[in-house]
């Protein structure tokens, strides 16, 4: 049995790429990985936006706005 309620709560994933982070100490490999992470996040965000737009369009069509 968990002794602490915090152990029962789902953990948030660790942020790999923070916006506004100091880039001066990063190596070329770290910067390339950062760019790849940001590009993947852009794709994921655009997919979510398309899904929201499709839902809104379907609702608009249903309610004939």
PDB file of N, CA and C in Angstrom:
ATOM      1  N   UNK A   1       0.832  -1.174   0.000  1.00  0.00           N
ATOM      2  CA  UNK A   1       0.000   0.000   0.000  1.00  0.00           C
ATOM      3  C   UNK A   1       0.880   1.243   0.000  1.00  0.00           C
ATOM      4  N   UNK A   2       0.500   2.236  -0.814  1.00  0.00           N
ATOM      5  CA  UNK A   2       1.290   3.455  -0.920  1.00  0.00           C
ATOM      6  C   UNK A   2       1.198   4.267   0.364  1.00  0.00           C
ATOM      7  N   UNK A   3       2.334   4.714   0.834  1.00  0.00           N
ATOM      8  CA  UNK A   3       2.342   5.483   2.071  1.00  0.00           C
ATOM      9  C   UNK A   3       2.108   6.969   1.825  1.00  0.00           C
ATOM     10  N   UNK A   4       2.227   7.390   0.582  1.00  0.00           N
ATOM     11  CA  UNK A   4       2.075   8.802   0.259  1.00  0.00           C
ATOM     12  C   UNK A   4       1.123   8.935  -0.928  1.00  0.00           C
ATOM     13  N   UNK A   5       0.173   9.862  -0.828  1.00  0.00           N
ATOM     14  CA  UNK A   5      -0.788  10.043  -1.917  1.00  0.00           C
ATOM     15  C   UNK A   5      -0.113  10.481  -3.216  1.00  0.00           C
ATOM     16  N   UNK A   6       1.030  11.176  -3.117  1.00  0.00           N
ATOM     17  CA  UNK A   6       1.745  11.597  -4.318  1.00  0.00           C
ATOM     18  C   UNK A   6       2.202  10.404  -5.153  1.00  0.00           C
ATOM     19  N   UNK A   7       2.428   9.277  -4.514  1.00  0.00           N
ATOM     20  CA  UNK A   7       2.844   8.083  -5.246  1.00  0.00           C
ATOM     21  C   UNK A   7       1.722   7.543  -6.124  1.00  0.00           C
ATOM     22  N   UNK A   8       0.498   7.856  -5.788  1.00  0.00           N
ATOM     23  CA  UNK A   8      -0.650   7.371  -6.552  1.00  0.00           C
ATOM     24  C   UNK A   8      -0.969   8.251  -7.758  1.00  0.00           C
ATOM     25  N   UNK A   9      -0.504   9.495  -7.727  1.00  0.00           N
ATOM     26  CA  UNK A   9      -0.797  10.439  -8.806  1.00  0.00           C
ATOM     27  C   UNK A   9       0.076  10.126 -10.012  1.00  0.00           C
ATOM     28  N   UNK A  10      -0.485  10.254 -11.219  1.00  0.00           N
ATOM     29  CA  UNK A  10       0.343  10.036 -12.413  1.00  0.00           C
ATOM     30  C   UNK A  10       1.426  11.109 -12.495  1.00  0.00           C
ATOM     31  N   UNK A  11       2.575  10.707 -12.931  1.00  0.00           N
ATOM     32  CA  UNK A  11       3.686  11.653 -13.043  1.00  0.00           C
ATOM     33  C   UNK A  11       3.683  12.306 -14.413  1.00  0.00           C
ATOM     34  N   UNK A  12       3.979  13.594 -14.426  1.00  0.00           N
ATOM     35  CA  UNK A  12       4.097  14.311 -15.689  1.00  0.00           C
ATOM     36  C   UNK A  12       5.433  13.947 -16.324  1.00  0.00           C
ATOM     37  N   UNK A  13       5.452  13.824 -17.654  1.00  0.00           N
ATOM     38  CA  UNK A  13       6.721  13.515 -18.310  1.00  0.00           C
ATOM     39  C   UNK A  13       7.711  14.671 -18.134  1.00  0.00           C
ATOM     40  N   UNK A  14       8.973  14.321 -18.036  1.00  0.00           N
ATOM     41  CA  UNK A  14      10.013  15.329 -17.884  1.00  0.00           C
ATOM     42  C   UNK A  14      10.106  16.144 -19.177  1.00  0.00           C
ATOM     43  N   UNK A  15      10.204  17.449 -19.034  1.00  0.00           N
ATOM     44  CA  UNK A  15      10.321  18.323 -20.195  1.00  0.00           C
ATOM     45  C   UNK A  15      11.721  18.167 -20.768  1.00  0.00           C
ATOM     46  N   UNK A  16      11.796  17.773 -22.039  1.00  0.00           N
ATOM     47  CA  UNK A  16      13.096  17.588 -22.673  1.00  0.00           C
ATOM     48  C   UNK A  16      13.598  18.881 -23.296  1.00  0.00           C
ATOM     49  N   UNK A  17      12.682  19.689 -23.796  1.00  0.00           N
ATOM     50  CA  UNK A  17      13.053  20.917 -24.476  1.00  0.00           C
ATOM     51  C   UNK A  17      12.248  22.059 -23.887  1.00  0.00           C
ATOM     52  N   UNK A  18      12.929  22.959 -23.227  1.00  0.00           N
ATOM     53  CA  UNK A  18      12.257  24.100 -22.620  1.00  0.00           C
ATOM     54  C   UNK A  18      12.429  25.324 -23.520  1.00  0.00           C
ATOM     55  N   UNK A  19      11.335  26.013 -23.771  1.00  0.00           N
ATOM     56  CA  UNK A  19      11.379  27.226 -24.582  1.00  0.00           C
ATOM     57  C   UNK A  19      12.118  28.306 -23.799  1.00  0.00           C
ATOM     58  N   UNK A  20      13.007  29.025 -24.463  1.00  0.00           N
ATOM     59  CA  UNK A  20      13.757  30.098 -23.834  1.00  0.00           C
ATOM     60  C   UNK A  20      14.997  29.637 -23.086  1.00  0.00           C
ATOM     61  N   UNK A  21      15.283  28.358 -23.170  1.00  0.00           N
ATOM     62  CA  UNK A  21      16.438  27.784 -22.482  1.00  0.00           C
ATOM     63  C   UNK A  21      17.736  28.353 -23.074  1.00  0.00           C
ATOM     64  N   UNK A  22      18.752  28.533 -22.220  1.00  0.00           N
ATOM     65  CA  UNK A  22      20.054  29.025 -22.666  1.00  0.00           C
ATOM     66  C   UNK A  22      20.693  27.978 -23.588  1.00  0.00           C
ATOM     67  N   UNK A  23      21.038  28.385 -24.790  1.00  0.00           N
ATOM     68  CA  UNK A  23      21.582  27.456 -25.779  1.00  0.00           C
ATOM     69  C   UNK A  23      23.103  27.511 -25.865  1.00  0.00           C
ATOM     70  N   UNK A  24      23.713  28.486 -25.212  1.00  0.00           N
ATOM     71  CA  UNK A  24      25.148  28.714 -25.373  1.00  0.00           C
ATOM     72  C   UNK A  24      26.013  27.554 -24.882  1.00  0.00           C
ATOM     73  N   UNK A  25      25.561  26.790 -23.933  1.00  0.00           N
ATOM     74  CA  UNK A  25      26.367  25.693 -23.388  1.00  0.00           C
ATOM     75  C   UNK A  25      26.103  24.361 -24.080  1.00  0.00           C
ATOM     76  N   UNK A  26      25.210  24.335 -25.074  1.00  0.00           N
ATOM     77  CA  UNK A  26      24.850  23.075 -25.731  1.00  0.00           C
ATOM     78  C   UNK A  26      25.807  22.763 -26.870  1.00  0.00           C
ATOM     79  N   UNK A  27      26.065  21.461 -27.034  1.00  0.00           N
ATOM     80  CA  UNK A  27      26.910  21.000 -28.130  1.00  0.00           C
ATOM     81  C   UNK A  27      26.091  20.955 -29.414  1.00  0.00           C
ATOM     82  N   UNK A  28      26.779  20.735 -30.524  1.00  0.00           N
ATOM     83  CA  UNK A  28      26.100  20.618 -31.816  1.00  0.00           C
ATOM     84  C   UNK A  28      25.101  19.462 -31.764  1.00  0.00           C
ATOM     85  N   UNK A  29      25.498  18.340 -31.193  1.00  0.00           N
ATOM     86  CA  UNK A  29      24.617  17.173 -31.098  1.00  0.00           C
ATOM     87  C   UNK A  29      23.381  17.499 -30.260  1.00  0.00           C
ATOM     88  N   UNK A  30      23.559  18.214 -29.152  1.00  0.00           N
ATOM     89  CA  UNK A  30      22.431  18.596 -28.303  1.00  0.00           C
ATOM     90  C   UNK A  30      21.496  19.565 -29.024  1.00  0.00           C
ATOM     91  N   UNK A  31      22.074  20.489 -29.779  1.00  0.00           N
ATOM     92  CA  UNK A  31      21.248  21.435 -30.535  1.00  0.00           C
ATOM     93  C   UNK A  31      20.462  20.725 -31.633  1.00  0.00           C
ATOM     94  N   UNK A  32      21.097  19.765 -32.304  1.00  0.00           N
ATOM     95  CA  UNK A  32      20.399  18.994 -33.336  1.00  0.00           C
ATOM     96  C   UNK A  32      19.261  18.180 -32.728  1.00  0.00           C
ATOM     97  N   UNK A  33      19.497  17.591 -31.566  1.00  0.00           N
ATOM     98  CA  UNK A  33      18.448  16.826 -30.884  1.00  0.00           C
ATOM     99  C   UNK A  33      17.311  17.758 -30.470  1.00  0.00           C
ATOM    100  N   UNK A  34      17.663  18.954 -30.029  1.00  0.00           N
ATOM    101  CA  UNK A  34      16.653  19.945 -29.637  1.00  0.00           C
ATOM    102  C   UNK A  34      15.774  20.306 -30.829  1.00  0.00           C
ATOM    103  N   UNK A  35      16.394  20.537 -31.973  1.00  0.00           N
ATOM    104  CA  UNK A  35      15.638  20.861 -33.188  1.00  0.00           C
ATOM    105  C   UNK A  35      14.712  19.712 -33.554  1.00  0.00           C
ATOM    106  N   UNK A  36      15.200  18.486 -33.481  1.00  0.00           N
ATOM    107  CA  UNK A  36      14.370  17.320 -33.798  1.00  0.00           C
ATOM    108  C   UNK A  36      13.180  17.237 -32.843  1.00  0.00           C
ATOM    109  N   UNK A  37      13.415  17.479 -31.552  1.00  0.00           N
ATOM    110  CA  UNK A  37      12.316  17.452 -30.570  1.00  0.00           C
ATOM    111  C   UNK A  37      11.288  18.537 -30.875  1.00  0.00           C
ATOM    112  N   UNK A  38      11.765  19.732 -31.202  1.00  0.00           N
ATOM    113  CA  UNK A  38      10.850  20.833 -31.498  1.00  0.00           C
ATOM    114  C   UNK A  38      10.049  20.559 -32.778  1.00  0.00           C
ATOM    115  N   UNK A  39      10.703  20.003 -33.796  1.00  0.00           N
ATOM    116  CA  UNK A  39       9.992  19.674 -35.032  1.00  0.00           C
ATOM    117  C   UNK A  39       8.928  18.606 -34.785  1.00  0.00           C
ATOM    118  N   UNK A  40       9.242  17.612 -33.962  1.00  0.00           N
ATOM    119  CA  UNK A  40       8.263  16.580 -33.626  1.00  0.00           C
ATOM    120  C   UNK A  40       7.092  17.187 -32.867  1.00  0.00           C
ATOM    121  N   UNK A  41       7.371  18.127 -31.992  1.00  0.00           N
ATOM    122  CA  UNK A  41       6.306  18.786 -31.230  1.00  0.00           C
ATOM    123  C   UNK A  41       5.432  19.643 -32.143  1.00  0.00           C
ATOM    124  N   UNK A  42       6.031  20.279 -33.144  1.00  0.00           N
ATOM    125  CA  UNK A  42       5.259  21.058 -34.117  1.00  0.00           C
ATOM    126  C   UNK A  42       4.300  20.146 -34.872  1.00  0.00           C
ATOM    127  N   UNK A  43       4.777  18.990 -35.307  1.00  0.00           N
ATOM    128  CA  UNK A  43       3.921  18.027 -36.017  1.00  0.00           C
ATOM    129  C   UNK A  43       2.777  17.573 -35.114  1.00  0.00           C
ATOM    130  N   UNK A  44       3.093  17.250 -33.871  1.00  0.00           N
ATOM    131  CA  UNK A  44       2.071  16.802 -32.920  1.00  0.00           C
ATOM    132  C   UNK A  44       1.036  17.892 -32.672  1.00  0.00           C
ATOM    133  N   UNK A  45       1.489  19.135 -32.560  1.00  0.00           N
ATOM    134  CA  UNK A  45       0.588  20.262 -32.325  1.00  0.00           C
ATOM    135  C   UNK A  45      -0.294  20.516 -33.539  1.00  0.00           C
ATOM    136  N   UNK A  46       0.273  20.440 -34.733  1.00  0.00           N
ATOM    137  CA  UNK A  46      -0.525  20.629 -35.953  1.00  0.00           C
ATOM    138  C   UNK A  46      -1.567  19.525 -36.104  1.00  0.00           C
ATOM    139  N   UNK A  47      -1.212  18.297 -35.747  1.00  0.00           N
ATOM    140  CA  UNK A  47      -2.181  17.196 -35.782  1.00  0.00           C
ATOM    141  C   UNK A  47      -3.343  17.465 -34.829  1.00  0.00           C
ATOM    142  N   UNK A  48      -3.038  17.953 -33.634  1.00  0.00           N
ATOM    143  CA  UNK A  48      -4.089  18.276 -32.663  1.00  0.00           C
ATOM    144  C   UNK A  48      -4.969  19.406 -33.186  1.00  0.00           C
ATOM    145  N   UNK A  49      -4.362  20.394 -33.819  1.00  0.00           N
ATOM    146  CA  UNK A  49      -5.115  21.510 -34.385  1.00  0.00           C
ATOM    147  C   UNK A  49      -6.048  21.038 -35.500  1.00  0.00           C
ATOM    148  N   UNK A  50      -5.550  20.146 -36.360  1.00  0.00           N
ATOM    149  CA  UNK A  50      -6.396  19.594 -37.429  1.00  0.00           C
ATOM    150  C   UNK A  50      -7.567  18.809 -36.841  1.00  0.00           C
ATOM    151  N   UNK A  51      -7.308  18.050 -35.795  1.00  0.00           N
ATOM    152  CA  UNK A  51      -8.377  17.273 -35.155  1.00  0.00           C
ATOM    153  C   UNK A  51      -9.431  18.205 -34.567  1.00  0.00           C
ATOM    154  N   UNK A  52      -8.999  19.285 -33.930  1.00  0.00           N
ATOM    155  CA  UNK A  52      -9.953  20.244 -33.353  1.00  0.00           C
ATOM    156  C   UNK A  52     -10.765  20.926 -34.456  1.00  0.00           C
ATOM    157  N   UNK A  53     -10.093  21.266 -35.550  1.00  0.00           N
ATOM    158  CA  UNK A  53     -10.781  21.909 -36.672  1.00  0.00           C
ATOM    159  C   UNK A  53     -11.820  20.980 -37.286  1.00  0.00           C
ATOM    160  N   UNK A  54     -11.476  19.694 -37.403  1.00  0.00           N
ATOM    161  CA  UNK A  54     -12.415  18.722 -37.964  1.00  0.00           C
ATOM    162  C   UNK A  54     -13.629  18.572 -37.054  1.00  0.00           C
ATOM    163  N   UNK A  55     -13.403  18.554 -35.762  1.00  0.00           N
ATOM    164  CA  UNK A  55     -14.509  18.448 -34.803  1.00  0.00           C
ATOM    165  C   UNK A  55     -15.404  19.680 -34.892  1.00  0.00           C
ATOM    166  N   UNK A  56     -14.784  20.851 -34.985  1.00  0.00           N
ATOM    167  CA  UNK A  56     -15.550  22.087 -35.082  1.00  0.00           C
ATOM    168  C   UNK A  56     -16.358  22.122 -36.381  1.00  0.00           C
ATOM    169  N   UNK A  57     -15.745  21.702 -37.480  1.00  0.00           N
ATOM    170  CA  UNK A  57     -16.449  21.672 -38.761  1.00  0.00           C
ATOM    171  C   UNK A  57     -17.644  20.735 -38.716  1.00  0.00           C
ATOM    172  N   UNK A  58     -17.466  19.583 -38.086  1.00  0.00           N
ATOM    173  CA  UNK A  58     -18.566  18.633 -37.973  1.00  0.00           C
ATOM    174  C   UNK A  58     -19.690  19.205 -37.118  1.00  0.00           C
ATOM    175  N   UNK A  59     -19.334  19.884 -36.036  1.00  0.00           N
ATOM    176  CA  UNK A  59     -20.354  20.497 -35.181  1.00  0.00           C
ATOM    177  C   UNK A  59     -21.067  21.626 -35.913  1.00  0.00           C
ATOM    178  N   UNK A  60     -20.313  22.430 -36.643  1.00  0.00           N
ATOM    179  CA  UNK A  60     -20.920  23.521 -37.414  1.00  0.00           C
ATOM    180  C   UNK A  60     -21.886  22.977 -38.455  1.00  0.00           C
ATOM    181  N   UNK A  61     -21.493  21.897 -39.133  1.00  0.00           N
ATOM    182  CA  UNK A  61     -22.362  21.304 -40.140  1.00  0.00           C
ATOM    183  C   UNK A  61     -23.626  20.721 -39.494  1.00  0.00           C
ATOM    184  N   UNK A  62     -23.460  20.110 -38.335  1.00  0.00           N
ATOM    185  CA  UNK A  62     -24.597  19.531 -37.648  1.00  0.00           C
ATOM    186  C   UNK A  62     -25.596  20.596 -37.197  1.00  0.00           C
ATOM    187  N   UNK A  63     -25.073  21.683 -36.685  1.00  0.00           N
ATOM    188  CA  UNK A  63     -25.939  22.762 -36.190  1.00  0.00           C
ATOM    189  C   UNK A  63     -26.211  23.826 -37.247  1.00  0.00           C
ATOM    190  N   UNK A  64     -25.664  23.627 -38.456  1.00  0.00           N
ATOM    191  CA  UNK A  64     -25.881  24.512 -39.622  1.00  0.00           C
ATOM    192  C   UNK A  64     -25.633  25.971 -39.282  1.00  0.00           C
ATOM    193  N   UNK A  65     -24.455  26.226 -38.828  1.00  0.00           N
ATOM    194  CA  UNK A  65     -24.059  27.614 -38.509  1.00  0.00           C
ATOM    195  C   UNK A  65     -23.853  28.404 -39.761  1.00  0.00           C
TER     196      UNK A  65
END
